[in-house]
PDB file of N, CA and C in Angstrom:
ATOM      1  N   MET A   1      -6.786  -9.513  -3.395  1.00  0.00           N
ATOM      2  CA  MET A   1      -5.607  -9.379  -4.822  1.00  0.00           C
ATOM      3  C   MET A   1      -6.220  -7.843  -4.578  1.00  0.00           C
ATOM      4  N   PHE A   2      -4.650  -7.079  -4.582  1.00  0.00           N
ATOM      5  CA  PHE A   2      -4.816  -5.651  -5.040  1.00  0.00           C
ATOM      6  C   PHE A   2      -3.938  -5.266  -5.906  1.00  0.00           C
ATOM      7  N   GLN A   3      -3.767  -4.115  -6.607  1.00  0.00           N
ATOM      8  CA  GLN A   3      -2.723  -3.720  -7.467  1.00  0.00           C
ATOM      9  C   GLN A   3      -1.880  -2.610  -6.878  1.00  0.00           C
ATOM     10  N   TYR A   4      -0.515  -3.159  -7.410  1.00  0.00           N
ATOM     11  CA  TYR A   4       0.661  -2.298  -6.753  1.00  0.00           C
ATOM     12  C   TYR A   4       1.523  -1.798  -7.973  1.00  0.00           C
ATOM     13  N   VAL A   5       1.788  -0.543  -7.746  1.00  0.00           N
ATOM     14  CA  VAL A   5       2.917   0.661  -8.868  1.00  0.00           C
ATOM     15  C   VAL A   5       4.050  -0.254  -8.073  1.00  0.00           C
ATOM     16  N   VAL A   6       5.064  -0.814  -9.245  1.00  0.00           N
ATOM     17  CA  VAL A   6       6.781  -0.634  -8.788  1.00  0.00           C
ATOM     18  C   VAL A   6       7.103   0.795  -8.501  1.00  0.00           C
ATOM     19  N   GLN A   7       7.618   0.677  -7.406  1.00  0.00           N
ATOM     20  CA  GLN A   7       8.642   2.095  -7.348  1.00  0.00           C
ATOM     21  C   GLN A   7      10.166   1.572  -7.259  1.00  0.00           C
ATOM     22  N   PRO A   8      10.718   3.190  -7.741  1.00  0.00           N
ATOM     23  CA  PRO A   8      12.264   2.846  -7.363  1.00  0.00           C
ATOM     24  C   PRO A   8      12.733   2.058  -6.770  1.00  0.00           C
ATOM     25  N   GLY A   9      13.487   0.628  -6.626  1.00  0.00           N
ATOM     26  CA  GLY A   9      14.428   0.266  -6.286  1.00  0.00           C
ATOM     27  C   GLY A   9      13.224  -1.411  -5.611  1.00  0.00           C
ATOM     28  N   ASP A  10      12.195  -1.467  -6.120  1.00  0.00           N
ATOM     29  CA  ASP A  10      11.828  -2.808  -5.887  1.00  0.00           C
ATOM     30  C   ASP A  10      12.074  -3.762  -6.315  1.00  0.00           C
ATOM     31  N   THR A  11      12.132  -4.966  -5.303  1.00  0.00           N
ATOM     32  CA  THR A  11      12.546  -6.179  -6.652  1.00  0.00           C
ATOM     33  C   THR A  11      10.922  -6.846  -5.986  1.00  0.00           C
ATOM     34  N   LEU A  12      11.001  -7.988  -6.966  1.00  0.00           N
ATOM     35  CA  LEU A  12       9.938  -9.272  -6.258  1.00  0.00           C
ATOM     36  C   LEU A  12       9.951  -9.358  -5.122  1.00  0.00           C
ATOM     37  N   THR A  13      11.336  -9.711  -4.585  1.00  0.00           N
ATOM     38  CA  THR A  13      10.940 -10.636  -3.028  1.00  0.00           C
ATOM     39  C   THR A  13      11.137  -9.184  -2.336  1.00  0.00           C
ATOM     40  N   ALA A  14      11.310  -8.122  -2.277  1.00  0.00           N
ATOM     41  CA  ALA A  14      11.326  -7.110  -1.087  1.00  0.00           C
ATOM     42  C   ALA A  14       9.856  -7.315  -1.318  1.00  0.00           C
ATOM     43  N   ILE A  15       9.156  -7.274  -2.653  1.00  0.00           N
ATOM     44  CA  ILE A  15       7.810  -6.511  -2.458  1.00  0.00           C
ATOM     45  C   ILE A  15       6.690  -7.655  -1.576  1.00  0.00           C
ATOM     46  N   ALA A  16       7.338  -9.224  -2.092  1.00  0.00           N
ATOM     47  CA  ALA A  16       6.588 -10.348  -1.496  1.00  0.00           C
ATOM     48  C   ALA A  16       6.798  -9.680   0.325  1.00  0.00           C
ATOM     49  N   ARG A  17       7.973  -9.557   0.265  1.00  0.00           N
ATOM     50  CA  ARG A  17       8.003  -9.606   2.093  1.00  0.00           C
ATOM     51  C   ARG A  17       7.569  -8.373   2.867  1.00  0.00           C
ATOM     52  N   ARG A  18       7.029  -7.311   1.734  1.00  0.00           N
ATOM     53  CA  ARG A  18       6.922  -5.818   2.401  1.00  0.00           C
ATOM     54  C   ARG A  18       5.059  -6.185   2.751  1.00  0.00           C
ATOM     55  N   PHE A  19       4.137  -7.244   1.870  1.00  0.00           N
ATOM     56  CA  PHE A  19       3.262  -7.610   1.530  1.00  0.00           C
ATOM     57  C   PHE A  19       2.523  -8.831   2.423  1.00  0.00           C
ATOM     58  N   GLY A  20       4.022  -9.421   2.832  1.00  0.00           N
ATOM     59  CA  GLY A  20       3.466 -10.716   4.007  1.00  0.00           C
ATOM     60  C   GLY A  20       3.068 -11.910   2.909  1.00  0.00           C
ATOM     61  N   THR A  21       3.863 -12.057   1.421  1.00  0.00           N
ATOM     62  CA  THR A  21       3.508 -13.102   0.624  1.00  0.00           C
ATOM     63  C   THR A  21       4.484 -13.630  -0.212  1.00  0.00           C
ATOM     64  N   THR A  22       4.542 -14.335  -0.922  1.00  0.00           N
ATOM     65  CA  THR A  22       5.757 -15.159  -1.710  1.00  0.00           C
ATOM     66  C   THR A  22       5.826 -14.647  -2.676  1.00  0.00           C
ATOM     67  N   VAL A  23       7.248 -14.520  -3.336  1.00  0.00           N
ATOM     68  CA  VAL A  23       7.559 -14.429  -4.931  1.00  0.00           C
ATOM     69  C   VAL A  23       6.356 -15.496  -6.075  1.00  0.00           C
ATOM     70  N   SER A  24       6.900 -16.720  -5.604  1.00  0.00           N
ATOM     71  CA  SER A  24       6.076 -17.488  -6.026  1.00  0.00           C
ATOM     72  C   SER A  24       4.175 -16.919  -6.165  1.00  0.00           C
ATOM     73  N   ALA A  25       3.753 -17.038  -5.204  1.00  0.00           N
ATOM     74  CA  ALA A  25       2.247 -16.119  -5.223  1.00  0.00           C
ATOM     75  C   ALA A  25       2.162 -15.166  -6.038  1.00  0.00           C
ATOM     76  N   ILE A  26       2.784 -14.223  -6.331  1.00  0.00           N
ATOM     77  CA  ILE A  26       3.275 -13.082  -6.847  1.00  0.00           C
ATOM     78  C   ILE A  26       2.766 -13.565  -8.281  1.00  0.00           C
ATOM     79  N   LEU A  27       3.867 -14.425  -8.331  1.00  0.00           N
ATOM     80  CA  LEU A  27       4.089 -14.860 -10.144  1.00  0.00           C
ATOM     81  C   LEU A  27       2.755 -15.360 -10.444  1.00  0.00           C
ATOM     82  N   ALA A  28       2.247 -16.278  -9.592  1.00  0.00           N
ATOM     83  CA  ALA A  28       1.232 -17.252  -9.429  1.00  0.00           C
ATOM     84  C   ALA A  28      -0.176 -16.552  -9.950  1.00  0.00           C
ATOM     85  N   VAL A  29      -0.463 -15.070  -9.773  1.00  0.00           N
ATOM     86  CA  VAL A  29      -1.346 -13.702 -10.385  1.00  0.00           C
ATOM     87  C   VAL A  29      -1.090 -12.918 -11.236  1.00  0.00           C
ATOM     88  N   ASN A  30       0.175 -13.016 -11.852  1.00  0.00           N
ATOM     89  CA  ASN A  30       0.413 -12.001 -12.497  1.00  0.00           C
ATOM     90  C   ASN A  30       1.715 -13.032 -13.628  1.00  0.00           C
ATOM     91  N   PRO A  31       0.798 -13.400 -14.702  1.00  0.00           N
ATOM     92  CA  PRO A  31       1.512 -14.821 -15.826  1.00  0.00           C
ATOM     93  C   PRO A  31       2.267 -13.651 -16.833  1.00  0.00           C
ATOM     94  N   ARG A  32       1.801 -12.663 -16.897  1.00  0.00           N
ATOM     95  CA  ARG A  32       2.702 -11.603 -17.778  1.00  0.00           C
ATOM     96  C   ARG A  32       4.092 -11.264 -17.109  1.00  0.00           C
ATOM     97  N   ILE A  33       4.105 -11.635 -16.102  1.00  0.00           N
ATOM     98  CA  ILE A  33       5.670 -11.369 -15.641  1.00  0.00           C
ATOM     99  C   ILE A  33       6.482 -12.970 -16.026  1.00  0.00           C
ATOM    100  N   THR A  34       7.322 -13.039 -16.759  1.00  0.00           N
ATOM    101  CA  THR A  34       7.902 -14.250 -17.328  1.00  0.00           C
ATOM    102  C   THR A  34       9.893 -14.239 -17.013  1.00  0.00           C
ATOM    103  N   ASN A  35       9.836 -13.388 -16.138  1.00  0.00           N
ATOM    104  CA  ASN A  35      11.182 -13.463 -15.375  1.00  0.00           C
ATOM    105  C   ASN A  35      11.057 -12.974 -14.406  1.00  0.00           C
ATOM    106  N   PRO A  36      11.326 -13.359 -13.072  1.00  0.00           N
ATOM    107  CA  PRO A  36      10.995 -12.769 -11.837  1.00  0.00           C
ATOM    108  C   PRO A  36      11.961 -11.454 -11.271  1.00  0.00           C
ATOM    109  N   ASP A  37      13.135 -11.707 -12.258  1.00  0.00           N
ATOM    110  CA  ASP A  37      14.147 -11.034 -11.637  1.00  0.00           C
ATOM    111  C   ASP A  37      13.934  -9.666 -13.052  1.00  0.00           C
ATOM    112  N   ILE A  38      12.777  -9.353 -13.954  1.00  0.00           N
ATOM    113  CA  ILE A  38      12.824  -8.307 -14.309  1.00  0.00           C
ATOM    114  C   ILE A  38      11.124  -7.360 -14.112  1.00  0.00           C
ATOM    115  N   ILE A  39      11.539  -6.609 -13.112  1.00  0.00           N
ATOM    116  CA  ILE A  39      10.034  -6.289 -13.218  1.00  0.00           C
ATOM    117  C   ILE A  39      10.524  -4.533 -13.578  1.00  0.00           C
ATOM    118  N   PHE A  40      10.032  -3.470 -13.406  1.00  0.00           N
ATOM    119  CA  PHE A  40       9.872  -1.975 -14.079  1.00  0.00           C
ATOM    120  C   PHE A  40       9.629  -0.872 -13.391  1.00  0.00           C
ATOM    121  N   ILE A  41       9.809  -0.010 -13.091  1.00  0.00           N
ATOM    122  CA  ILE A  41       9.117   1.110 -12.474  1.00  0.00           C
ATOM    123  C   ILE A  41       8.143   1.466 -12.410  1.00  0.00           C
ATOM    124  N   GLY A  42       6.989   1.589 -12.165  1.00  0.00           N
ATOM    125  CA  GLY A  42       5.644   2.407 -12.672  1.00  0.00           C
ATOM    126  C   GLY A  42       4.849   1.132 -13.306  1.00  0.00           C
ATOM    127  N   GLN A  43       5.456  -0.208 -13.343  1.00  0.00           N
ATOM    128  CA  GLN A  43       4.468  -1.899 -13.647  1.00  0.00           C
ATOM    129  C   GLN A  43       3.436  -1.533 -12.574  1.00  0.00           C
ATOM    130  N   ILE A  44       2.183  -1.976 -13.179  1.00  0.00           N
ATOM    131  CA  ILE A  44       1.218  -2.758 -12.226  1.00  0.00           C
ATOM    132  C   ILE A  44       1.364  -3.910 -11.954  1.00  0.00           C
ATOM    133  N   ILE A  45       1.630  -4.192 -10.735  1.00  0.00           N
ATOM    134  CA  ILE A  45       1.325  -5.879 -10.344  1.00  0.00           C
ATOM    135  C   ILE A  45       0.249  -5.858  -9.599  1.00  0.00           C
ATOM    136  N   ASN A  46      -0.252  -7.266  -9.518  1.00  0.00           N
ATOM    137  CA  ASN A  46      -1.424  -7.636  -8.399  1.00  0.00           C
ATOM    138  C   ASN A  46      -0.758  -8.351  -7.272  1.00  0.00           C
ATOM    139  N   ILE A  47      -1.057  -8.278  -6.453  1.00  0.00           N
ATOM    140  CA  ILE A  47      -0.686  -8.621  -5.064  1.00  0.00           C
ATOM    141  C   ILE A  47      -1.484  -9.186  -4.463  1.00  0.00           C
ATOM    142  N   PRO A  48      -1.389 -10.416  -4.311  1.00  0.00           N
ATOM    143  CA  PRO A  48      -2.336 -11.331  -3.502  1.00  0.00           C
ATOM    144  C   PRO A  48      -2.525 -11.101  -1.766  1.00  0.00           C
ATOM    145  N   THR A  49      -3.544 -11.303  -1.469  1.00  0.00           N
ATOM    146  CA  THR A  49      -3.693 -10.775  -0.093  1.00  0.00           C
ATOM    147  C   THR A  49      -4.543 -12.521   0.416  1.00  0.00           C
ATOM    148  N   ARG A  50      -3.944 -12.431   1.588  1.00  0.00           N
ATOM    149  CA  ARG A  50      -4.345 -13.374   2.241  1.00  0.00           C
ATOM    150  C   ARG A  50      -5.822 -12.965   3.038  1.00  0.00           C
ATOM    151  N   VAL A  51      -6.720 -14.310   2.919  1.00  0.00           N
ATOM    152  CA  VAL A  51      -8.037 -14.051   3.723  1.00  0.00           C
ATOM    153  C   VAL A  51      -8.170 -14.305   5.190  1.00  0.00           C
ATOM    154  N   THR A  52      -8.343 -13.412   5.899  1.00  0.00           N
ATOM    155  CA  THR A  52      -8.414 -13.064   7.608  1.00  0.00           C
ATOM    156  C   THR A  52      -9.936 -13.281   8.014  1.00  0.00           C
ATOM    157  N   PRO A  53      -9.854 -14.150   9.343  1.00  0.00           N
ATOM    158  CA  PRO A  53     -11.109 -14.134   9.905  1.00  0.00           C
ATOM    159  C   PRO A  53     -11.494 -12.043   9.975  1.00  0.00           C
ATOM    160  N   THR A  54     -12.461 -11.979  10.231  1.00  0.00           N
ATOM    161  CA  THR A  54     -13.094 -10.696  10.522  1.00  0.00           C
ATOM    162  C   THR A  54     -13.279 -10.840  12.105  1.00  0.00           C
ATOM    163  N   PRO A  55     -13.011 -10.056  12.900  1.00  0.00           N
ATOM    164  CA  PRO A  55     -12.096  -9.759  13.847  1.00  0.00           C
ATOM    165  C   PRO A  55     -13.666  -9.135  14.409  1.00  0.00           C
ATOM    166  N   THR A  56     -13.892  -9.964  15.510  1.00  0.00           N
ATOM    167  CA  THR A  56     -15.361  -9.181  16.117  1.00  0.00           C
ATOM    168  C   THR A  56     -15.604  -7.848  16.418  1.00  0.00           C
ATOM    169  N   PRO A  57     -16.382  -6.527  16.453  1.00  0.00           N
ATOM    170  CA  PRO A  57     -16.669  -5.514  16.532  1.00  0.00           C
ATOM    171  C   PRO A  57     -16.206  -5.493  18.074  1.00  0.00           C
ATOM    172  N   THR A  58     -15.503  -4.417  18.715  1.00  0.00           N
ATOM    173  CA  THR A  58     -15.739  -3.935  19.816  1.00  0.00           C
ATOM    174  C   THR A  58     -16.182  -2.572  19.998  1.00  0.00           C
ATOM    175  N   PRO A  59     -16.743  -2.585  21.452  1.00  0.00           N
ATOM    176  CA  PRO A  59     -17.707  -1.982  21.760  1.00  0.00           C
ATOM    177  C   PRO A  59     -17.574  -0.430  21.077  1.00  0.00           C
ATOM    178  N   THR A  60     -16.266   0.001  21.607  1.00  0.00           N
ATOM    179  CA  THR A  60     -15.747   1.489  21.280  1.00  0.00           C
ATOM    180  C   THR A  60     -14.544   1.278  20.584  1.00  0.00           C
ATOM    181  N   PRO A  61     -14.508   1.477  19.551  1.00  0.00           N
ATOM    182  CA  PRO A  61     -13.293   0.923  18.179  1.00  0.00           C
ATOM    183  C   PRO A  61     -12.866   2.409  18.290  1.00  0.00           C
ATOM    184  N   THR A  62     -11.454   2.399  18.035  1.00  0.00           N
ATOM    185  CA  THR A  62     -10.442   2.972  18.531  1.00  0.00           C
ATOM    186  C   THR A  62      -9.774   3.060  17.036  1.00  0.00           C
ATOM    187  N   PRO A  63      -9.241   4.653  16.841  1.00  0.00           N
ATOM    188  CA  PRO A  63      -8.683   4.771  15.322  1.00  0.00           C
ATOM    189  C   PRO A  63      -7.406   3.786  15.035  1.00  0.00           C
ATOM    190  N   PRO A  64      -6.674   3.452  14.327  1.00  0.00           N
ATOM    191  CA  PRO A  64      -5.561   2.899  14.160  1.00  0.00           C
ATOM    192  C   PRO A  64      -4.304   4.026  14.535  1.00  0.00           C
ATOM    193  N   ALA A  65      -3.355   2.903  15.347  1.00  0.00           N
ATOM    194  CA  ALA A  65      -2.120   3.930  15.386  1.00  0.00           C
ATOM    195  C   ALA A  65      -1.935   4.390  14.053  1.00  0.00           C
ATOM    196  N   PRO A  66      -1.422   5.685  14.928  1.00  0.00           N
ATOM    197  CA  PRO A  66      -0.329   6.489  13.724  1.00  0.00           C
ATOM    198  C   PRO A  66       1.022   5.614  13.605  1.00  0.00           C
ATOM    199  N   GLY A  67       1.472   5.843  12.145  1.00  0.00           N
ATOM    200  CA  GLY A  67       2.590   5.479  11.451  1.00  0.00           C
ATOM    201  C   GLY A  67       2.719   5.314  10.374  1.00  0.00           C
ATOM    202  N   ARG A  68       2.890   4.137   9.604  1.00  0.00           N
ATOM    203  CA  ARG A  68       3.479   3.826   8.380  1.00  0.00           C
ATOM    204  C   ARG A  68       1.583   3.275   8.073  1.00  0.00           C
ATOM    205  N   TYR A  69       1.603   3.647   6.244  1.00  0.00           N
ATOM    206  CA  TYR A  69      -0.027   3.092   5.717  1.00  0.00           C
ATOM    207  C   TYR A  69       0.578   2.845   4.143  1.00  0.00           C
ATOM    208  N   ILE A  70       0.028   2.030   3.830  1.00  0.00           N
ATOM    209  CA  ILE A  70      -0.157   1.031   2.313  1.00  0.00           C
ATOM    210  C   ILE A  70      -1.467   1.790   1.660  1.00  0.00           C
ATOM    211  N   VAL A  71      -1.182   3.011   0.893  1.00  0.00           N
ATOM    212  CA  VAL A  71      -2.541   3.573   0.447  1.00  0.00           C
ATOM    213  C   VAL A  71      -3.159   2.692  -0.677  1.00  0.00           C
ATOM    214  N   GLN A  72      -4.722   2.155  -0.604  1.00  0.00           N
ATOM    215  CA  GLN A  72      -4.898   1.069  -0.680  1.00  0.00           C
ATOM    216  C   GLN A  72      -6.102   1.755  -1.915  1.00  0.00           C
ATOM    217  N   PRO A  73      -6.737   0.720  -2.985  1.00  0.00           N
ATOM    218  CA  PRO A  73      -7.711   0.955  -3.774  1.00  0.00           C
ATOM    219  C   PRO A  73      -8.263   2.094  -3.434  1.00  0.00           C
ATOM    220  N   GLY A  74      -8.783   3.417  -4.094  1.00  0.00           N
ATOM    221  CA  GLY A  74      -9.775   4.069  -3.580  1.00  0.00           C
ATOM    222  C   GLY A  74      -9.652   5.015  -2.378  1.00  0.00           C
ATOM    223  N   ASP A  75      -8.429   5.489  -2.427  1.00  0.00           N
ATOM    224  CA  ASP A  75      -8.056   5.944  -0.950  1.00  0.00           C
ATOM    225  C   ASP A  75      -7.802   7.360  -1.608  1.00  0.00           C
ATOM    226  N   THR A  76      -7.477   8.210  -0.984  1.00  0.00           N
ATOM    227  CA  THR A  76      -7.539   9.912  -1.222  1.00  0.00           C
ATOM    228  C   THR A  76      -6.576  10.442   0.165  1.00  0.00           C
ATOM    229  N   LEU A  77      -5.988  11.382  -0.230  1.00  0.00           N
ATOM    230  CA  LEU A  77      -5.145  11.782   1.456  1.00  0.00           C
ATOM    231  C   LEU A  77      -6.559  12.338   2.399  1.00  0.00           C
ATOM    232  N   PHE A  78      -7.178  12.932   1.382  1.00  0.00           N
ATOM    233  CA  PHE A  78      -8.814  13.017   2.335  1.00  0.00           C
ATOM    234  C   PHE A  78      -9.287  12.030   2.955  1.00  0.00           C
ATOM    235  N   LEU A  79      -9.548  10.980   2.511  1.00  0.00           N
ATOM    236  CA  LEU A  79     -10.416   9.908   3.340  1.00  0.00           C
ATOM    237  C   LEU A  79      -9.017   9.079   4.505  1.00  0.00           C
ATOM    238  N   ILE A  80      -8.102   8.801   3.712  1.00  0.00           N
ATOM    239  CA  ILE A  80      -7.015   8.573   5.131  1.00  0.00           C
ATOM    240  C   ILE A  80      -6.921   9.303   5.932  1.00  0.00           C
ATOM    241  N   ALA A  81      -7.296  10.826   5.812  1.00  0.00           N
ATOM    242  CA  ALA A  81      -6.952  11.905   7.182  1.00  0.00           C
ATOM    243  C   ALA A  81      -7.520  11.841   8.066  1.00  0.00           C
ATOM    244  N   ARG A  82      -9.219  11.372   7.234  1.00  0.00           N
ATOM    245  CA  ARG A  82     -10.243  11.426   8.117  1.00  0.00           C
ATOM    246  C   ARG A  82      -9.992   9.994   8.772  1.00  0.00           C
ATOM    247  N   ARG A  83      -9.947   9.107   8.018  1.00  0.00           N
ATOM    248  CA  ARG A  83      -9.734   7.716   9.455  1.00  0.00           C
ATOM    249  C   ARG A  83      -8.303   7.757  10.123  1.00  0.00           C
ATOM    250  N   PHE A  84      -7.727   8.522  10.496  1.00  0.00           N
ATOM    251  CA  PHE A  84      -6.495   8.190  10.863  1.00  0.00           C
ATOM    252  C   PHE A  84      -6.635   9.718  12.118  1.00  0.00           C
ATOM    253  N   GLY A  85      -7.970  10.760  12.132  1.00  0.00           N
ATOM    254  CA  GLY A  85      -7.766  11.909  12.738  1.00  0.00           C
ATOM    255  C   GLY A  85      -7.179  12.701  12.952  1.00  0.00           C
ATOM    256  N   THR A  86      -6.509  13.123  11.633  1.00  0.00           N
ATOM    257  CA  THR A  86      -5.502  13.791  11.394  1.00  0.00           C
ATOM    258  C   THR A  86      -6.018  15.017   9.964  1.00  0.00           C
ATOM    259  N   THR A  87      -5.353  15.947   9.403  1.00  0.00           N
ATOM    260  CA  THR A  87      -5.679  16.418   8.368  1.00  0.00           C
ATOM    261  C   THR A  87      -4.613  16.358   6.588  1.00  0.00           C
ATOM    262  N   VAL A  88      -5.357  16.500   6.203  1.00  0.00           N
ATOM    263  CA  VAL A  88      -4.155  16.398   4.772  1.00  0.00           C
ATOM    264  C   VAL A  88      -2.870  16.811   5.341  1.00  0.00           C
ATOM    265  N   ALA A  89      -3.311  18.540   4.992  1.00  0.00           N
ATOM    266  CA  ALA A  89      -1.938  19.213   5.420  1.00  0.00           C
ATOM    267  C   ALA A  89      -0.570  18.531   6.441  1.00  0.00           C
ATOM    268  N   ALA A  90      -1.244  18.156   7.550  1.00  0.00           N
ATOM    269  CA  ALA A  90      -0.227  16.743   8.541  1.00  0.00           C
ATOM    270  C   ALA A  90       0.104  15.720   7.638  1.00  0.00           C
ATOM    271  N   ILE A  91      -0.153  15.179   7.035  1.00  0.00           N
ATOM    272  CA  ILE A  91      -0.425  14.109   6.064  1.00  0.00           C
ATOM    273  C   ILE A  91       1.243  14.806   4.834  1.00  0.00           C
ATOM    274  N   VAL A  92       0.740  15.520   4.373  1.00  0.00           N
ATOM    275  CA  VAL A  92       1.472  16.521   3.654  1.00  0.00           C
ATOM    276  C   VAL A  92       2.971  16.736   4.014  1.00  0.00           C
ATOM    277  N   ALA A  93       2.612  17.261   5.190  1.00  0.00           N
ATOM    278  CA  ALA A  93       4.253  17.779   5.666  1.00  0.00           C
ATOM    279  C   ALA A  93       4.372  16.726   6.459  1.00  0.00           C
ATOM    280  N   ALA A  94       4.474  15.521   6.341  1.00  0.00           N
ATOM    281  CA  ALA A  94       5.153  14.292   7.033  1.00  0.00           C
ATOM    282  C   ALA A  94       5.765  13.661   6.116  1.00  0.00           C
ATOM    283  N   ASN A  95       5.278  14.039   4.778  1.00  0.00           N
ATOM    284  CA  ASN A  95       5.497  12.775   3.513  1.00  0.00           C
ATOM    285  C   ASN A  95       6.215  14.017   2.672  1.00  0.00           C
ATOM    286  N   PRO A  96       7.275  14.598   2.749  1.00  0.00           N
ATOM    287  CA  PRO A  96       8.121  15.392   1.716  1.00  0.00           C
ATOM    288  C   PRO A  96       8.036  14.837   0.296  1.00  0.00           C
ATOM    289  N   GLN A  97       7.704  13.503  -0.071  1.00  0.00           N
ATOM    290  CA  GLN A  97       7.661  12.911  -1.040  1.00  0.00           C
ATOM    291  C   GLN A  97       6.709  13.241  -1.948  1.00  0.00           C
ATOM    292  N   ILE A  98       5.604  13.561  -1.563  1.00  0.00           N
ATOM    293  CA  ILE A  98       4.003  14.080  -1.946  1.00  0.00           C
ATOM    294  C   ILE A  98       4.199  15.195  -2.202  1.00  0.00           C
ATOM    295  N   THR A  99       4.186  15.709  -4.033  1.00  0.00           N
ATOM    296  CA  THR A  99       4.378  17.124  -3.921  1.00  0.00           C
ATOM    297  C   THR A  99       3.021  17.719  -4.576  1.00  0.00           C
ATOM    298  N   ASP A 100       2.327  16.415  -4.685  1.00  0.00           N
ATOM    299  CA  ASP A 100       0.348  17.183  -5.291  1.00  0.00           C
ATOM    300  C   ASP A 100      -0.210  16.245  -4.416  1.00  0.00           C
ATOM    301  N   PRO A 101      -0.918  16.643  -3.576  1.00  0.00           N
ATOM    302  CA  PRO A 101      -1.594  15.935  -2.255  1.00  0.00           C
ATOM    303  C   PRO A 101      -3.010  15.327  -3.586  1.00  0.00           C
ATOM    304  N   ASN A 102      -3.247  15.581  -4.584  1.00  0.00           N
ATOM    305  CA  ASN A 102      -4.061  15.501  -5.342  1.00  0.00           C
ATOM    306  C   ASN A 102      -3.457  13.788  -5.659  1.00  0.00           C
ATOM    307  N   VAL A 103      -2.255  13.184  -6.199  1.00  0.00           N
ATOM    308  CA  VAL A 103      -1.892  12.094  -6.552  1.00  0.00           C
ATOM    309  C   VAL A 103      -0.954  11.352  -5.480  1.00  0.00           C
ATOM    310  N   ILE A 104      -1.675  10.138  -5.607  1.00  0.00           N
ATOM    311  CA  ILE A 104      -1.299   8.960  -4.494  1.00  0.00           C
ATOM    312  C   ILE A 104      -1.444   8.064  -5.235  1.00  0.00           C
ATOM    313  N   PHE A 105      -0.658   7.239  -4.910  1.00  0.00           N
ATOM    314  CA  PHE A 105      -0.582   5.584  -5.706  1.00  0.00           C
ATOM    315  C   PHE A 105      -0.711   4.525  -4.823  1.00  0.00           C
ATOM    316  N   ILE A 106      -1.385   3.298  -5.614  1.00  0.00           N
ATOM    317  CA  ILE A 106      -1.721   1.863  -4.734  1.00  0.00           C
ATOM    318  C   ILE A 106      -0.576   1.549  -4.457  1.00  0.00           C
ATOM    319  N   GLY A 107      -0.123   1.204  -3.088  1.00  0.00           N
ATOM    320  CA  GLY A 107       1.037   0.511  -2.594  1.00  0.00           C
ATOM    321  C   GLY A 107       1.871   1.455  -2.133  1.00  0.00           C
ATOM    322  N   GLN A 108       1.854   2.867  -2.217  1.00  0.00           N
ATOM    323  CA  GLN A 108       2.391   4.163  -1.870  1.00  0.00           C
ATOM    324  C   GLN A 108       2.610   3.713  -0.564  1.00  0.00           C
ATOM    325  N   ILE A 109       3.638   3.532   0.448  1.00  0.00           N
ATOM    326  CA  ILE A 109       3.627   3.795   2.123  1.00  0.00           C
ATOM    327  C   ILE A 109       3.677   5.444   2.200  1.00  0.00           C
ATOM    328  N   ILE A 110       2.775   6.005   3.014  1.00  0.00           N
ATOM    329  CA  ILE A 110       3.034   6.824   3.673  1.00  0.00           C
ATOM    330  C   ILE A 110       2.784   6.868   5.346  1.00  0.00           C
ATOM    331  N   ASN A 111       3.850   8.223   6.022  1.00  0.00           N
ATOM    332  CA  ASN A 111       3.853   8.550   6.847  1.00  0.00           C
ATOM    333  C   ASN A 111       2.486   9.128   7.487  1.00  0.00           C
ATOM    334  N   ILE A 112       1.594   8.265   8.681  1.00  0.00           N
ATOM    335  CA  ILE A 112       0.559   9.183   9.429  1.00  0.00           C
ATOM    336  C   ILE A 112       1.142   9.456  10.117  1.00  0.00           C
ATOM    337  N   PRO A 113       0.720  11.223  10.879  1.00  0.00           N
ATOM    338  CA  PRO A 113       1.189  12.033  11.748  1.00  0.00           C
ATOM    339  C   PRO A 113       0.255  11.722  12.903  1.00  0.00           C
TER     340      PRO A 113
END
């Protein structure tokens, strides 16, 4: 399970679809949400995760393909840049919504150049 910050335009249905879960599963781990039609921008909600088997490591691992990335707990732009073999400046350039490179949010979707 991880935490997600509700963004403008989010609904529980859209959040569930984005993270491959169901509204019922989200409600089960968020008992304080009494009406699934009412969530608030900035609200922190728990998102259940599926347990998947650990894949067998390959002898020469390749970095994940560039594209979109969902910020996870503990992430910083520096760590994300290092993981994808790019720079903080390149990530900021590809994400005009990031106005302060020191402020990113769990659940935020960013473009990886």
